[in-house]
């Protein structure tokens, strides 16, 4: 099958650990395989991954992506790049108290840095990485408007924001005639955590996709992307435990249904989870570090759950 006949994959390749936990050669191999298998969207951030970097700053992921793009002439036309602004520490160790934020100046400087590291002149989707309530949301929207007006940014999205802030941002964008936020990036998986619990690895107050955000996205046609959809491998890796916050009777039933469908289909639990998210119109972001993990996920994107299977997985406890 040639690249021209490959179906476009709805999955997103997460580049968070490229250049830090994942070395450049492995990063290139993952990126090549993703594109070979019909992958289009690649997700990064200007702050990735400051917590694993000896400098205490982000930028490694975007730098590796920039090198890959430069080494693969023509590939820029086949992929879409999303990156985020707002969460870069002002100095090593200052996060989260002191970070770049979402002022006009901060957004302008962050985007300039992303352009330089990525070696591109257009960002396909720019995310507001996390809230900045020190800045009026209207100022942030107007800063985004200046980027979308001249084509430097094609779309804007919001990660880890509550629905009411997005409503205010979208309303202001419409008032000034600019492109409104049309995408959410939030933590989502098949299992549901107990209310009021802190999800492992989710440091943002409004990071987990909740029913209000889900309802708002459906009502307004907002695309939803899911980070950590596979619980960092815990669905299938016996060396990883599903976190205690997911231990409740509702999830006992959900896991039983998941096990039944995975066994009947001859696929892993993680593959069925990805297929279930896609059945609900949610784009999973893949964060694995091995080619076999990527291949398994890309295979899952080709699965089509039956309506009966989706209903069974959706059914309340």
Protein backbone atom coordinates (compact mmCIF):
# COMPACT_ATOMS: atom_id res chain seq x y z
CA UNK A 1 0.00 0.00 0.00
CA UNK A 2 1.40 3.36 -0.95
CA UNK A 3 1.19 6.43 1.26
CA UNK A 4 -1.32 7.89 -1.22
CA UNK A 5 -3.81 5.08 -0.52
CA UNK A 6 -3.40 4.86 3.24
CA UNK A 7 -6.48 5.78 5.24
CA UNK A 8 -5.92 8.90 7.32
CA UNK A 9 -5.53 7.87 10.95
CA UNK A 10 -7.59 9.75 13.55
CA UNK A 11 -4.93 9.15 16.19
CA UNK A 12 -2.51 11.82 17.41
CA UNK A 13 1.17 11.15 18.07
CA UNK A 14 2.22 12.75 21.33
CA UNK A 15 5.80 14.05 21.24
CA UNK A 16 6.04 15.08 24.89
CA UNK A 17 9.09 12.96 25.72
CA UNK A 18 10.99 13.41 22.45
CA UNK A 19 14.47 14.70 23.19
CA UNK A 20 14.32 13.83 26.90
CA UNK A 21 13.11 10.37 27.90
CA UNK A 22 12.99 9.31 24.23
CA UNK A 23 16.22 9.84 22.30
CA UNK A 24 16.34 11.43 18.88
CA UNK A 25 16.86 8.22 16.89
CA UNK A 26 13.86 6.55 18.54
CA UNK A 27 11.80 9.72 18.10
CA UNK A 28 12.59 9.77 14.37
CA UNK A 29 11.65 6.08 14.07
CA UNK A 30 8.30 6.66 15.78
CA UNK A 31 7.56 9.69 13.63
CA UNK A 32 8.46 7.82 10.43
CA UNK A 33 6.27 4.85 11.35
CA UNK A 34 3.38 7.11 12.32
CA UNK A 35 3.43 8.83 8.92
CA UNK A 36 3.93 5.53 7.07
CA UNK A 37 0.73 4.26 8.68
CA UNK A 38 -1.39 7.25 7.77
CA UNK A 39 -0.81 9.39 10.86
CA UNK A 40 -1.28 13.12 10.42
CA UNK A 41 -1.52 15.01 13.73
CA UNK A 42 1.58 15.42 15.93
CA UNK A 43 1.19 17.11 19.31
CA UNK A 44 3.85 18.90 21.35
CA UNK A 45 4.27 21.99 23.58
CA UNK A 46 6.84 24.69 24.13
CA UNK A 47 7.35 23.46 27.71
CA UNK A 48 7.96 19.77 26.88
CA UNK A 49 9.57 18.31 28.85
CA UNK A 50 11.04 20.79 31.31
CA UNK A 51 10.71 18.33 34.20
CA UNK A 52 13.03 15.86 32.47
CA UNK A 53 15.44 18.42 31.02
CA UNK A 54 18.79 19.21 32.66
CA UNK A 55 18.15 22.88 31.82
CA UNK A 56 14.84 23.01 33.68
CA UNK A 57 13.25 24.45 30.54
CA UNK A 58 11.19 22.95 27.72
CA UNK A 59 11.91 23.07 24.02
CA UNK A 60 13.52 19.66 23.50
CA UNK A 61 10.45 18.11 21.91
CA UNK A 62 9.94 20.95 19.42
CA UNK A 63 13.66 20.91 18.60
CA UNK A 64 13.60 17.19 17.76
CA UNK A 65 10.48 17.67 15.64
CA UNK A 66 12.20 20.52 13.82
CA UNK A 67 15.20 18.34 13.04
CA UNK A 68 12.94 15.55 11.81
CA UNK A 69 11.03 17.92 9.52
CA UNK A 70 14.31 19.28 8.14
CA UNK A 71 15.61 15.75 7.53
CA UNK A 72 12.43 14.65 5.72
CA UNK A 73 11.84 17.01 2.77
CA UNK A 74 8.17 17.10 1.86
CA UNK A 75 6.86 15.56 5.06
CA UNK A 76 5.57 18.91 6.34
CA UNK A 77 2.89 18.72 3.65
CA UNK A 78 1.72 15.38 5.05
CA UNK A 79 1.48 16.22 8.74
CA UNK A 80 -0.24 18.76 10.94
CA UNK A 81 1.51 20.17 13.98
CA UNK A 82 -0.07 21.27 17.21
CA UNK A 83 1.83 22.94 20.02
CA UNK A 84 0.95 24.69 23.26
CA UNK A 85 1.79 27.91 25.06
CA UNK A 86 1.42 29.15 28.61
CA UNK A 87 3.07 26.55 30.84
CA UNK A 88 6.80 27.11 30.29
CA UNK A 89 8.58 27.92 33.60
CA UNK A 90 10.01 31.42 33.79
CA UNK A 91 13.12 29.93 35.36
CA UNK A 92 14.13 26.40 36.41
CA UNK A 93 12.06 25.24 39.35
CA UNK A 94 9.54 28.09 39.14
CA UNK A 95 6.59 26.05 37.85
CA UNK A 96 3.69 26.35 38.54
CA UNK A 97 3.91 29.60 40.54
CA UNK A 98 5.94 31.42 37.89
CA UNK A 99 5.28 30.42 34.31
CA UNK A 100 4.99 32.19 30.98
CA UNK A 101 1.21 32.53 31.09
CA UNK A 102 -1.19 33.81 28.46
CA UNK A 103 -0.61 37.53 28.15
CA UNK A 104 -0.22 39.10 24.72
CA UNK A 105 3.52 39.38 25.16
CA UNK A 106 3.88 35.83 26.50
CA UNK A 107 1.92 34.32 23.61
CA UNK A 108 3.82 36.34 21.02
CA UNK A 109 7.21 35.33 22.44
CA UNK A 110 6.22 31.68 22.92
CA UNK A 111 4.97 31.31 19.36
CA UNK A 112 8.14 32.93 17.99
CA UNK A 113 10.19 30.38 19.93
CA UNK A 114 8.09 27.50 18.65
CA UNK A 115 8.47 28.68 15.06
CA UNK A 116 12.23 28.80 15.48
CA UNK A 117 12.57 25.38 17.11
CA UNK A 118 10.15 23.67 14.72
CA UNK A 119 11.56 25.42 11.66
CA UNK A 120 8.08 26.23 10.34
CA UNK A 121 6.08 29.37 9.62
CA UNK A 122 2.56 28.06 10.34
CA UNK A 123 1.16 26.22 13.36
CA UNK A 124 -1.84 24.09 12.45
CA UNK A 125 -3.35 24.15 15.95
CA UNK A 126 -2.18 26.32 18.84
CA UNK A 127 -3.34 25.29 22.32
CA UNK A 128 -3.70 27.38 25.46
CA UNK A 129 -1.91 24.87 27.68
CA UNK A 130 -3.42 25.80 31.03
CA UNK A 131 -5.40 28.60 32.59
CA UNK A 132 -3.92 31.99 33.42
CA UNK A 133 -6.41 33.91 35.54
CA UNK A 134 -3.96 36.77 36.02
CA UNK A 135 -4.78 37.77 32.44
CA UNK A 136 -8.28 38.61 31.17
CA UNK A 137 -9.39 35.88 28.79
CA UNK A 138 -10.29 38.66 26.33
CA UNK A 139 -6.63 39.71 26.12
CA UNK A 140 -5.62 36.14 25.41
CA UNK A 141 -8.25 35.84 22.68
CA UNK A 142 -7.07 39.05 21.05
CA UNK A 143 -3.48 37.81 21.07
CA UNK A 144 -4.64 34.65 19.32
CA UNK A 145 -6.65 36.73 16.85
CA UNK A 146 -3.52 38.52 15.67
CA UNK A 147 -1.95 35.13 14.90
CA UNK A 148 -4.92 33.64 13.08
CA UNK A 149 -5.60 36.81 11.09
CA UNK A 150 -2.36 36.55 9.12
CA UNK A 151 -2.32 32.75 8.87
CA UNK A 152 0.52 32.06 11.27
CA UNK A 153 -1.92 29.92 13.29
CA UNK A 154 -4.70 28.00 11.54
CA UNK A 155 -6.77 26.90 14.55
CA UNK A 156 -6.83 27.51 18.30
CA UNK A 157 -7.69 25.12 21.11
CA UNK A 158 -7.68 24.94 24.90
CA UNK A 159 -6.20 22.33 27.17
CA UNK A 160 -7.06 21.98 30.87
CA UNK A 161 -9.66 24.77 30.90
CA UNK A 162 -13.18 24.75 32.37
CA UNK A 163 -16.11 25.05 29.98
CA UNK A 164 -17.22 28.47 31.27
CA UNK A 165 -13.86 30.05 30.43
CA UNK A 166 -14.02 28.59 26.93
CA UNK A 167 -17.52 30.00 26.51
CA UNK A 168 -16.24 33.48 27.42
CA UNK A 169 -13.28 33.09 25.07
CA UNK A 170 -15.45 31.92 22.17
CA UNK A 171 -17.99 34.70 22.72
CA UNK A 172 -15.25 37.35 22.63
CA UNK A 173 -13.69 35.82 19.53
CA UNK A 174 -17.03 36.04 17.77
CA UNK A 175 -17.48 39.66 18.88
CA UNK A 176 -14.18 40.70 17.34
CA UNK A 177 -14.56 38.52 14.26
CA UNK A 178 -11.70 36.10 14.99
CA UNK A 179 -11.50 32.31 14.94
CA UNK A 180 -12.98 30.84 18.13
CA UNK A 181 -11.50 27.95 20.09
CA UNK A 182 -12.70 24.78 18.39
CA UNK A 183 -10.82 22.02 20.23
CA UNK A 184 -10.38 20.71 23.76
CA UNK A 185 -7.40 18.68 24.99
CA UNK A 186 -8.17 16.90 28.25
CA UNK A 187 -7.43 13.71 30.14
CA UNK A 188 -9.87 10.96 29.19
CA UNK A 189 -10.00 7.19 29.25
CA UNK A 190 -12.57 4.41 29.52
CA UNK A 191 -12.50 4.06 33.28
CA UNK A 192 -13.93 6.82 35.45
CA UNK A 193 -12.21 8.05 38.58
CA UNK A 194 -14.04 8.45 41.88
CA UNK A 195 -15.41 11.99 42.21
CA UNK A 196 -13.13 14.38 44.03
CA UNK A 197 -9.99 12.31 43.57
CA UNK A 198 -6.69 13.45 42.06
CA UNK A 199 -5.83 11.52 38.94
CA UNK A 200 -2.22 10.32 38.77
CA UNK A 201 -0.16 12.41 36.39
CA UNK A 202 -2.90 15.03 35.96
CA UNK A 203 -1.65 18.20 37.64
CA UNK A 204 -4.26 20.55 36.21
CA UNK A 205 -7.42 21.36 38.15
CA UNK A 206 -9.61 21.13 35.05
CA UNK A 207 -7.55 18.48 33.27
CA UNK A 208 -9.95 15.51 33.39
CA UNK A 209 -12.78 15.51 30.84
CA UNK A 210 -16.00 15.78 32.83
CA UNK A 211 -19.66 15.61 31.87
CA UNK A 212 -20.01 19.39 31.60
CA UNK A 213 -17.05 19.73 29.24
CA UNK A 214 -18.28 16.72 27.28
CA UNK A 215 -21.76 18.23 26.97
CA UNK A 216 -20.39 21.66 26.02
CA UNK A 217 -18.14 20.16 23.34
CA UNK A 218 -21.02 18.17 21.84
CA UNK A 219 -23.36 21.17 21.87
CA UNK A 220 -20.86 23.45 20.11
CA UNK A 221 -19.11 21.00 17.80
CA UNK A 222 -15.78 21.25 19.61
CA UNK A 223 -13.25 18.56 18.77
CA UNK A 224 -11.92 16.68 21.79
CA UNK A 225 -8.45 15.17 22.17
CA UNK A 226 -7.60 12.80 25.02
CA UNK A 227 -4.24 12.62 26.74
CA UNK A 228 -3.15 9.56 28.76
CA UNK A 229 -6.00 7.48 27.26
CA UNK A 230 -4.30 4.17 28.11
CA UNK A 231 -3.37 5.00 31.72
CA UNK A 232 0.32 4.87 30.75
CA UNK A 233 -0.01 1.22 29.75
CA UNK A 234 -1.82 -0.02 32.87
CA UNK A 235 -4.65 -1.65 30.92
CA UNK A 236 -2.30 -4.29 29.53
CA UNK A 237 1.08 -4.12 31.25
CA UNK A 238 1.09 -6.45 34.27
CA UNK A 239 3.96 -4.44 35.78
CA UNK A 240 1.71 -1.37 36.00
CA UNK A 241 -1.21 -1.08 38.37
CA UNK A 242 -4.44 0.72 37.54
CA UNK A 243 -4.50 3.60 40.02
CA UNK A 244 -6.52 3.28 43.20
CA UNK A 245 -8.74 6.24 42.23
CA UNK A 246 -10.33 3.95 39.62
CA UNK A 247 -11.16 1.24 42.18
CA UNK A 248 -14.94 1.25 42.59
CA UNK A 249 -17.86 -1.04 41.64
CA UNK A 250 -18.70 0.87 38.46
CA UNK A 251 -15.25 0.23 37.06
CA UNK A 252 -15.35 -3.41 38.14
CA UNK A 253 -18.28 -3.80 35.77
CA UNK A 254 -16.62 -1.72 33.05
CA UNK A 255 -13.45 -3.81 33.22
CA UNK A 256 -15.50 -7.01 32.97
CA UNK A 257 -17.20 -5.73 29.81
CA UNK A 258 -13.85 -4.57 28.44
CA UNK A 259 -12.33 -8.00 29.12
CA UNK A 260 -15.22 -9.77 27.37
CA UNK A 261 -15.00 -7.62 24.23
CA UNK A 262 -11.21 -7.79 24.09
CA UNK A 263 -11.32 -11.58 24.40
CA UNK A 264 -14.05 -11.96 21.77
CA UNK A 265 -12.26 -9.63 19.37
CA UNK A 266 -8.79 -11.05 19.98
CA UNK A 267 -7.36 -7.64 20.81
CA UNK A 268 -5.82 -6.09 23.91
CA UNK A 269 -7.82 -4.09 26.40
CA UNK A 270 -5.93 -0.96 25.41
CA UNK A 271 -6.86 -1.43 21.76
CA UNK A 272 -10.54 -1.71 22.66
CA UNK A 273 -10.27 1.43 24.81
CA UNK A 274 -8.85 3.36 21.85
CA UNK A 275 -11.61 2.04 19.58
CA UNK A 276 -14.23 3.06 22.17
CA UNK A 277 -12.85 6.61 22.42
CA UNK A 278 -12.85 6.91 18.65
CA UNK A 279 -16.43 5.63 18.53
CA UNK A 280 -17.31 8.63 20.70
CA UNK A 281 -15.49 11.05 18.42
CA UNK A 282 -12.52 11.55 20.76
CA UNK A 283 -8.99 11.65 19.33
CA UNK A 284 -6.60 9.67 21.56
CA UNK A 285 -3.05 11.00 21.89
CA UNK A 286 -0.44 8.23 21.81
CA UNK A 287 2.50 8.57 24.15
CA UNK A 288 4.37 5.29 23.83
CA UNK A 289 8.10 4.95 23.30
CA UNK A 290 8.22 1.69 21.31
CA UNK A 291 7.35 0.90 17.72
CA UNK A 292 5.29 -2.13 18.73
CA UNK A 293 3.18 0.08 20.99
CA UNK A 294 2.60 2.51 18.15
CA UNK A 295 1.70 -0.29 15.74
CA UNK A 296 -0.78 -1.78 18.21
CA UNK A 297 -2.46 1.60 18.62
CA UNK A 298 -2.58 2.22 14.87
CA UNK A 299 -4.16 -1.20 14.45
CA UNK A 300 -6.78 -0.24 17.04
CA UNK A 301 -7.75 2.79 15.00
CA UNK A 302 -8.84 0.42 12.24
CA UNK A 303 -11.27 -1.40 14.56
CA UNK A 304 -14.96 -0.58 14.37
CA UNK A 305 -16.90 -1.52 17.47
CA UNK A 306 -20.49 -2.56 16.85
CA UNK A 307 -23.27 -0.37 18.27
CA UNK A 308 -24.04 -3.20 20.69
CA UNK A 309 -20.45 -3.26 21.93
CA UNK A 310 -20.42 0.51 22.42
CA UNK A 311 -23.73 0.36 24.28
CA UNK A 312 -22.44 -2.42 26.53
CA UNK A 313 -19.31 -0.41 27.37
CA UNK A 314 -21.37 2.72 27.96
CA UNK A 315 -24.00 1.12 30.17
CA UNK A 316 -24.05 2.51 33.73
CA UNK A 317 -23.11 0.25 36.59
